[in-house]
PDB file of N, CA and C in Angstrom:
ATOM      1  N   MET A   1      93.243 111.007 133.755  1.00  0.00           N
ATOM      2  CA  MET A   1      92.339 110.065 133.934  1.00  0.00           C
ATOM      3  C   MET A   1      91.401 109.973 132.745  1.00  0.00           C
ATOM      4  N   ARG A   2      91.114 108.981 131.975  1.00  0.00           N
ATOM      5  CA  ARG A   2      90.125 109.071 130.951  1.00  0.00           C
ATOM      6  C   ARG A   2      88.832 108.361 131.092  1.00  0.00           C
ATOM      7  N   THR A   3      87.940 109.057 130.993  1.00  0.00           N
ATOM      8  CA  THR A   3      86.634 108.423 131.588  1.00  0.00           C
ATOM      9  C   THR A   3      85.704 107.837 130.224  1.00  0.00           C
ATOM     10  N   LEU A   4      84.690 107.093 130.414  1.00  0.00           N
ATOM     11  CA  LEU A   4      84.150 106.557 129.326  1.00  0.00           C
ATOM     12  C   LEU A   4      83.250 107.758 128.350  1.00  0.00           C
ATOM     13  N   LYS A   5      83.163 108.921 129.146  1.00  0.00           N
ATOM     14  CA  LYS A   5      82.564 110.041 128.320  1.00  0.00           C
ATOM     15  C   LYS A   5      83.515 110.483 127.331  1.00  0.00           C
ATOM     16  N   ASP A   6      84.895 110.348 127.389  1.00  0.00           N
ATOM     17  CA  ASP A   6      85.666 110.985 126.634  1.00  0.00           C
ATOM     18  C   ASP A   6      86.028 110.059 125.429  1.00  0.00           C
ATOM     19  N   VAL A   7      85.583 108.670 125.382  1.00  0.00           N
ATOM     20  CA  VAL A   7      85.677 107.847 124.534  1.00  0.00           C
ATOM     21  C   VAL A   7      85.030 108.047 123.197  1.00  0.00           C
ATOM     22  N   LYS A   8      85.701 107.965 121.944  1.00  0.00           N
ATOM     23  CA  LYS A   8      84.961 108.092 120.823  1.00  0.00           C
ATOM     24  C   LYS A   8      84.325 106.824 120.259  1.00  0.00           C
ATOM     25  N   SER A   9      83.420 107.084 119.257  1.00  0.00           N
ATOM     26  CA  SER A   9      82.685 106.096 118.871  1.00  0.00           C
ATOM     27  C   SER A   9      83.476 105.025 118.061  1.00  0.00           C
ATOM     28  N   GLY A  10      83.420 103.714 118.215  1.00  0.00           N
ATOM     29  CA  GLY A  10      84.114 102.657 117.596  1.00  0.00           C
ATOM     30  C   GLY A  10      85.358 102.192 118.372  1.00  0.00           C
ATOM     31  N   ASP A  11      85.563 102.909 119.618  1.00  0.00           N
ATOM     32  CA  ASP A  11      86.847 102.518 120.425  1.00  0.00           C
ATOM     33  C   ASP A  11      86.383 101.349 121.340  1.00  0.00           C
ATOM     34  N   THR A  12      87.397 100.543 121.715  1.00  0.00           N
ATOM     35  CA  THR A  12      87.167  99.568 122.619  1.00  0.00           C
ATOM     36  C   THR A  12      88.044  99.950 123.859  1.00  0.00           C
ATOM     37  N   VAL A  13      87.421  99.912 125.040  1.00  0.00           N
ATOM     38  CA  VAL A  13      88.189 100.323 126.362  1.00  0.00           C
ATOM     39  C   VAL A  13      87.802  99.177 127.377  1.00  0.00           C
ATOM     40  N   ILE A  14      88.833  99.209 128.421  1.00  0.00           N
ATOM     41  CA  ILE A  14      88.643  98.308 129.523  1.00  0.00           C
ATOM     42  C   ILE A  14      88.444  99.065 130.816  1.00  0.00           C
ATOM     43  N   VAL A  15      87.422  98.854 131.668  1.00  0.00           N
ATOM     44  CA  VAL A  15      86.943  99.682 132.836  1.00  0.00           C
ATOM     45  C   VAL A  15      88.112  99.256 133.769  1.00  0.00           C
ATOM     46  N   GLU A  16      88.832 100.379 134.393  1.00  0.00           N
ATOM     47  CA  GLU A  16      89.775 100.521 135.491  1.00  0.00           C
ATOM     48  C   GLU A  16      88.905 100.684 136.848  1.00  0.00           C
ATOM     49  N   LYS A  17      88.165 101.655 136.872  1.00  0.00           N
ATOM     50  CA  LYS A  17      87.415 101.898 138.073  1.00  0.00           C
ATOM     51  C   LYS A  17      86.167 102.564 137.903  1.00  0.00           C
ATOM     52  N   ILE A  18      85.293 102.234 138.944  1.00  0.00           N
ATOM     53  CA  ILE A  18      84.040 103.182 139.110  1.00  0.00           C
ATOM     54  C   ILE A  18      84.277 104.260 140.276  1.00  0.00           C
ATOM     55  N   SER A  19      84.231 105.533 139.908  1.00  0.00           N
ATOM     56  CA  SER A  19      84.620 106.402 140.680  1.00  0.00           C
ATOM     57  C   SER A  19      83.435 106.959 141.572  1.00  0.00           C
ATOM     58  N   CYS A  20      82.239 106.495 141.464  1.00  0.00           N
ATOM     59  CA  CYS A  20      81.063 106.912 142.369  1.00  0.00           C
ATOM     60  C   CYS A  20      80.640 106.064 143.359  1.00  0.00           C
ATOM     61  N   ALA A  21      79.773 106.453 144.359  1.00  0.00           N
ATOM     62  CA  ALA A  21      79.657 105.535 145.552  1.00  0.00           C
ATOM     63  C   ALA A  21      77.968 105.333 145.637  1.00  0.00           C
ATOM     64  N   GLY A  22      77.687 104.547 146.543  1.00  0.00           N
ATOM     65  CA  GLY A  22      76.188 104.380 146.720  1.00  0.00           C
ATOM     66  C   GLY A  22      75.329 103.953 145.669  1.00  0.00           C
ATOM     67  N   SER A  23      74.131 104.405 145.608  1.00  0.00           N
ATOM     68  CA  SER A  23      73.110 103.799 144.787  1.00  0.00           C
ATOM     69  C   SER A  23      73.520 103.779 143.155  1.00  0.00           C
ATOM     70  N   LEU A  24      74.359 104.739 142.913  1.00  0.00           N
ATOM     71  CA  LEU A  24      74.941 105.122 141.450  1.00  0.00           C
ATOM     72  C   LEU A  24      75.788 104.147 141.216  1.00  0.00           C
ATOM     73  N   LYS A  25      76.640 103.658 141.922  1.00  0.00           N
ATOM     74  CA  LYS A  25      77.671 102.729 141.793  1.00  0.00           C
ATOM     75  C   LYS A  25      77.082 101.442 141.505  1.00  0.00           C
ATOM     76  N   ARG A  26      76.057 101.022 142.568  1.00  0.00           N
ATOM     77  CA  ARG A  26      75.406  99.750 142.354  1.00  0.00           C
ATOM     78  C   ARG A  26      74.726  99.666 141.289  1.00  0.00           C
ATOM     79  N   ARG A  27      73.972 100.878 140.761  1.00  0.00           N
ATOM     80  CA  ARG A  27      73.276 100.783 139.418  1.00  0.00           C
ATOM     81  C   ARG A  27      74.019 100.374 138.199  1.00  0.00           C
ATOM     82  N   ILE A  28      75.371 101.025 138.208  1.00  0.00           N
ATOM     83  CA  ILE A  28      76.114 100.697 137.038  1.00  0.00           C
ATOM     84  C   ILE A  28      76.855  99.379 137.046  1.00  0.00           C
ATOM     85  N   MET A  29      77.092  99.048 138.209  1.00  0.00           N
ATOM     86  CA  MET A  29      77.440  97.510 138.447  1.00  0.00           C
ATOM     87  C   MET A  29      76.404  96.429 138.007  1.00  0.00           C
ATOM     88  N   ASP A  30      75.151  96.725 138.369  1.00  0.00           N
ATOM     89  CA  ASP A  30      74.108  96.003 138.054  1.00  0.00           C
ATOM     90  C   ASP A  30      73.938  95.750 136.508  1.00  0.00           C
ATOM     91  N   MET A  31      74.115  96.775 135.656  1.00  0.00           N
ATOM     92  CA  MET A  31      74.236  96.805 134.170  1.00  0.00           C
ATOM     93  C   MET A  31      75.423  96.222 133.797  1.00  0.00           C
ATOM     94  N   GLY A  32      76.379  95.425 134.549  1.00  0.00           N
ATOM     95  CA  GLY A  32      77.268  94.645 133.976  1.00  0.00           C
ATOM     96  C   GLY A  32      78.554  95.216 133.784  1.00  0.00           C
ATOM     97  N   ILE A  33      78.655  96.637 134.281  1.00  0.00           N
ATOM     98  CA  ILE A  33      80.080  97.345 134.043  1.00  0.00           C
ATOM     99  C   ILE A  33      80.825  97.243 135.498  1.00  0.00           C
ATOM    100  N   THR A  34      81.818  96.551 135.470  1.00  0.00           N
ATOM    101  CA  THR A  34      82.530  96.133 136.463  1.00  0.00           C
ATOM    102  C   THR A  34      84.238  96.310 136.170  1.00  0.00           C
ATOM    103  N   LYS A  35      84.898  96.516 137.168  1.00  0.00           N
ATOM    104  CA  LYS A  35      86.331  96.518 137.001  1.00  0.00           C
ATOM    105  C   LYS A  35      86.878  95.351 135.949  1.00  0.00           C
ATOM    106  N   GLY A  36      87.646  95.650 134.923  1.00  0.00           N
ATOM    107  CA  GLY A  36      88.290  94.613 133.884  1.00  0.00           C
ATOM    108  C   GLY A  36      87.223  94.207 132.721  1.00  0.00           C
ATOM    109  N   THR A  37      86.010  94.784 132.800  1.00  0.00           N
ATOM    110  CA  THR A  37      85.079  94.649 131.635  1.00  0.00           C
ATOM    111  C   THR A  37      85.394  95.310 130.250  1.00  0.00           C
ATOM    112  N   THR A  38      85.306  94.750 129.176  1.00  0.00           N
ATOM    113  CA  THR A  38      85.511  95.395 127.913  1.00  0.00           C
ATOM    114  C   THR A  38      84.290  95.865 127.463  1.00  0.00           C
ATOM    115  N   ILE A  39      84.467  97.220 126.996  1.00  0.00           N
ATOM    116  CA  ILE A  39      83.292  97.975 126.439  1.00  0.00           C
ATOM    117  C   ILE A  39      83.674  98.485 125.117  1.00  0.00           C
ATOM    118  N   LEU A  40      82.754  98.273 124.338  1.00  0.00           N
ATOM    119  CA  LEU A  40      82.835  99.000 122.973  1.00  0.00           C
ATOM    120  C   LEU A  40      81.766  99.962 122.779  1.00  0.00           C
ATOM    121  N   VAL A  41      82.385 101.113 122.441  1.00  0.00           N
ATOM    122  CA  VAL A  41      81.422 102.316 122.152  1.00  0.00           C
ATOM    123  C   VAL A  41      80.889 102.187 120.650  1.00  0.00           C
ATOM    124  N   ARG A  42      79.464 101.948 120.585  1.00  0.00           N
ATOM    125  CA  ARG A  42      78.976 101.706 119.293  1.00  0.00           C
ATOM    126  C   ARG A  42      78.798 102.971 118.636  1.00  0.00           C
ATOM    127  N   LYS A  43      78.179 103.752 119.235  1.00  0.00           N
ATOM    128  CA  LYS A  43      77.837 105.104 118.554  1.00  0.00           C
ATOM    129  C   LYS A  43      77.240 106.214 119.650  1.00  0.00           C
ATOM    130  N   LEU A  44      77.357 107.308 119.254  1.00  0.00           N
ATOM    131  CA  LEU A  44      76.662 108.474 120.153  1.00  0.00           C
ATOM    132  C   LEU A  44      75.680 109.119 119.614  1.00  0.00           C
ATOM    133  N   ALA A  45      74.530 109.474 120.392  1.00  0.00           N
ATOM    134  CA  ALA A  45      73.395 110.264 119.778  1.00  0.00           C
ATOM    135  C   ALA A  45      73.951 111.658 119.313  1.00  0.00           C
ATOM    136  N   PRO A  46      72.943 112.092 118.293  1.00  0.00           N
ATOM    137  CA  PRO A  46      73.171 113.197 117.601  1.00  0.00           C
ATOM    138  C   PRO A  46      73.732 114.377 118.403  1.00  0.00           C
ATOM    139  N   LEU A  47      73.268 114.401 119.593  1.00  0.00           N
ATOM    140  CA  LEU A  47      73.507 115.648 120.485  1.00  0.00           C
ATOM    141  C   LEU A  47      74.703 115.156 121.456  1.00  0.00           C
ATOM    142  N   GLY A  48      75.135 113.863 121.269  1.00  0.00           N
ATOM    143  CA  GLY A  48      76.158 113.351 122.231  1.00  0.00           C
ATOM    144  C   GLY A  48      75.505 112.533 123.634  1.00  0.00           C
ATOM    145  N   ASP A  49      74.368 112.675 123.671  1.00  0.00           N
ATOM    146  CA  ASP A  49      73.665 111.892 124.882  1.00  0.00           C
ATOM    147  C   ASP A  49      72.446 111.357 124.467  1.00  0.00           C
ATOM    148  N   PRO A  50      72.292 109.932 124.956  1.00  0.00           N
ATOM    149  CA  PRO A  50      73.161 108.958 125.340  1.00  0.00           C
ATOM    150  C   PRO A  50      74.178 108.465 124.536  1.00  0.00           C
ATOM    151  N   ILE A  51      74.945 107.576 125.193  1.00  0.00           N
ATOM    152  CA  ILE A  51      76.026 106.871 124.577  1.00  0.00           C
ATOM    153  C   ILE A  51      75.622 105.125 124.417  1.00  0.00           C
ATOM    154  N   GLU A  52      75.667 104.821 123.297  1.00  0.00           N
ATOM    155  CA  GLU A  52      75.451 103.462 123.142  1.00  0.00           C
ATOM    156  C   GLU A  52      76.486 102.435 123.021  1.00  0.00           C
ATOM    157  N   LEU A  53      76.562 101.391 123.975  1.00  0.00           N
ATOM    158  CA  LEU A  53      77.666 100.489 124.312  1.00  0.00           C
ATOM    159  C   LEU A  53      77.372  99.182 124.128  1.00  0.00           C
ATOM    160  N   THR A  54      78.320  98.490 123.641  1.00  0.00           N
ATOM    161  CA  THR A  54      78.136  96.911 123.955  1.00  0.00           C
ATOM    162  C   THR A  54      79.206  96.386 125.052  1.00  0.00           C
ATOM    163  N   VAL A  55      78.323  95.805 125.982  1.00  0.00           N
ATOM    164  CA  VAL A  55      79.001  95.311 127.266  1.00  0.00           C
ATOM    165  C   VAL A  55      78.602  93.829 127.562  1.00  0.00           C
ATOM    166  N   ARG A  56      79.382  92.729 127.619  1.00  0.00           N
ATOM    167  CA  ARG A  56      79.078  91.576 127.678  1.00  0.00           C
ATOM    168  C   ARG A  56      77.994  90.971 126.910  1.00  0.00           C
ATOM    169  N   GLY A  57      78.227  91.395 125.505  1.00  0.00           N
ATOM    170  CA  GLY A  57      77.310  90.750 124.461  1.00  0.00           C
ATOM    171  C   GLY A  57      75.891  91.388 124.300  1.00  0.00           C
ATOM    172  N   TYR A  58      75.685  92.468 125.127  1.00  0.00           N
ATOM    173  CA  TYR A  58      74.383  93.244 124.867  1.00  0.00           C
ATOM    174  C   TYR A  58      74.679  94.570 124.868  1.00  0.00           C
ATOM    175  N   GLU A  59      73.496  95.264 124.174  1.00  0.00           N
ATOM    176  CA  GLU A  59      73.710  96.806 123.848  1.00  0.00           C
ATOM    177  C   GLU A  59      73.077  97.555 125.208  1.00  0.00           C
ATOM    178  N   LEU A  60      73.770  98.507 125.337  1.00  0.00           N
ATOM    179  CA  LEU A  60      73.365  99.550 126.670  1.00  0.00           C
ATOM    180  C   LEU A  60      73.340 100.962 126.309  1.00  0.00           C
ATOM    181  N   SER A  61      72.545 101.493 126.794  1.00  0.00           N
ATOM    182  CA  SER A  61      72.651 103.133 126.338  1.00  0.00           C
ATOM    183  C   SER A  61      72.732 103.545 128.006  1.00  0.00           C
ATOM    184  N   LEU A  62      73.629 104.652 127.782  1.00  0.00           N
ATOM    185  CA  LEU A  62      74.158 105.188 129.287  1.00  0.00           C
ATOM    186  C   LEU A  62      74.198 106.850 129.126  1.00  0.00           C
ATOM    187  N   ARG A  63      73.782 107.486 129.956  1.00  0.00           N
ATOM    188  CA  ARG A  63      73.729 109.019 129.941  1.00  0.00           C
ATOM    189  C   ARG A  63      75.296 109.324 130.216  1.00  0.00           C
ATOM    190  N   LYS A  64      75.603 110.507 129.482  1.00  0.00           N
ATOM    191  CA  LYS A  64      76.894 110.911 129.851  1.00  0.00           C
ATOM    192  C   LYS A  64      77.425 111.252 131.281  1.00  0.00           C
ATOM    193  N   SER A  65      76.363 111.730 132.002  1.00  0.00           N
ATOM    194  CA  SER A  65      76.690 112.052 133.435  1.00  0.00           C
ATOM    195  C   SER A  65      76.838 110.706 134.108  1.00  0.00           C
ATOM    196  N   ASP A  66      76.486 109.681 133.822  1.00  0.00           N
ATOM    197  CA  ASP A  66      76.924 108.452 134.530  1.00  0.00           C
ATOM    198  C   ASP A  66      78.318 107.956 133.991  1.00  0.00           C
ATOM    199  N   ALA A  67      78.416 107.923 132.466  1.00  0.00           N
ATOM    200  CA  ALA A  67      79.676 107.555 131.845  1.00  0.00           C
ATOM    201  C   ALA A  67      80.936 108.502 132.540  1.00  0.00           C
ATOM    202  N   GLU A  68      80.713 109.507 133.018  1.00  0.00           N
ATOM    203  CA  GLU A  68      81.933 110.263 133.563  1.00  0.00           C
ATOM    204  C   GLU A  68      82.297 109.703 134.830  1.00  0.00           C
ATOM    205  N   ASN A  69      81.628 108.702 135.254  1.00  0.00           N
ATOM    206  CA  ASN A  69      82.070 108.121 136.633  1.00  0.00           C
ATOM    207  C   ASN A  69      82.797 106.872 136.359  1.00  0.00           C
ATOM    208  N   ILE A  70      82.743 106.437 134.970  1.00  0.00           N
ATOM    209  CA  ILE A  70      83.593 105.300 134.836  1.00  0.00           C
ATOM    210  C   ILE A  70      84.983 105.268 134.264  1.00  0.00           C
ATOM    211  N   ILE A  71      86.033 105.201 134.894  1.00  0.00           N
ATOM    212  CA  ILE A  71      87.382 105.339 134.512  1.00  0.00           C
ATOM    213  C   ILE A  71      87.786 104.144 133.597  1.00  0.00           C
ATOM    214  N   VAL A  72      88.427 104.449 132.288  1.00  0.00           N
ATOM    215  CA  VAL A  72      88.875 103.555 131.549  1.00  0.00           C
ATOM    216  C   VAL A  72      90.030 103.585 131.042  1.00  0.00           C
ATOM    217  N   LYS A  73      90.650 102.402 130.563  1.00  0.00           N
ATOM    218  CA  LYS A  73      92.126 102.671 129.741  1.00  0.00           C
ATOM    219  C   LYS A  73      91.925 102.089 128.490  1.00  0.00           C
TER     220      LYS A  73
END
């Protein structure tokens, strides 16, 4: 399983599954990250956290702890 946390800067991936539940899953889905969504990893912060993404045409910053719950291909 490859998670969004493991993706390198400049790569484009597709969301396969969100592996968490409850309010965290709802919050991730409210940001526009759902199954089948294409995500471009724009860049990483100097220490690796947060991750800057392009999702559905807008920029989004996401913590690595949240990104490890998003399974991608």
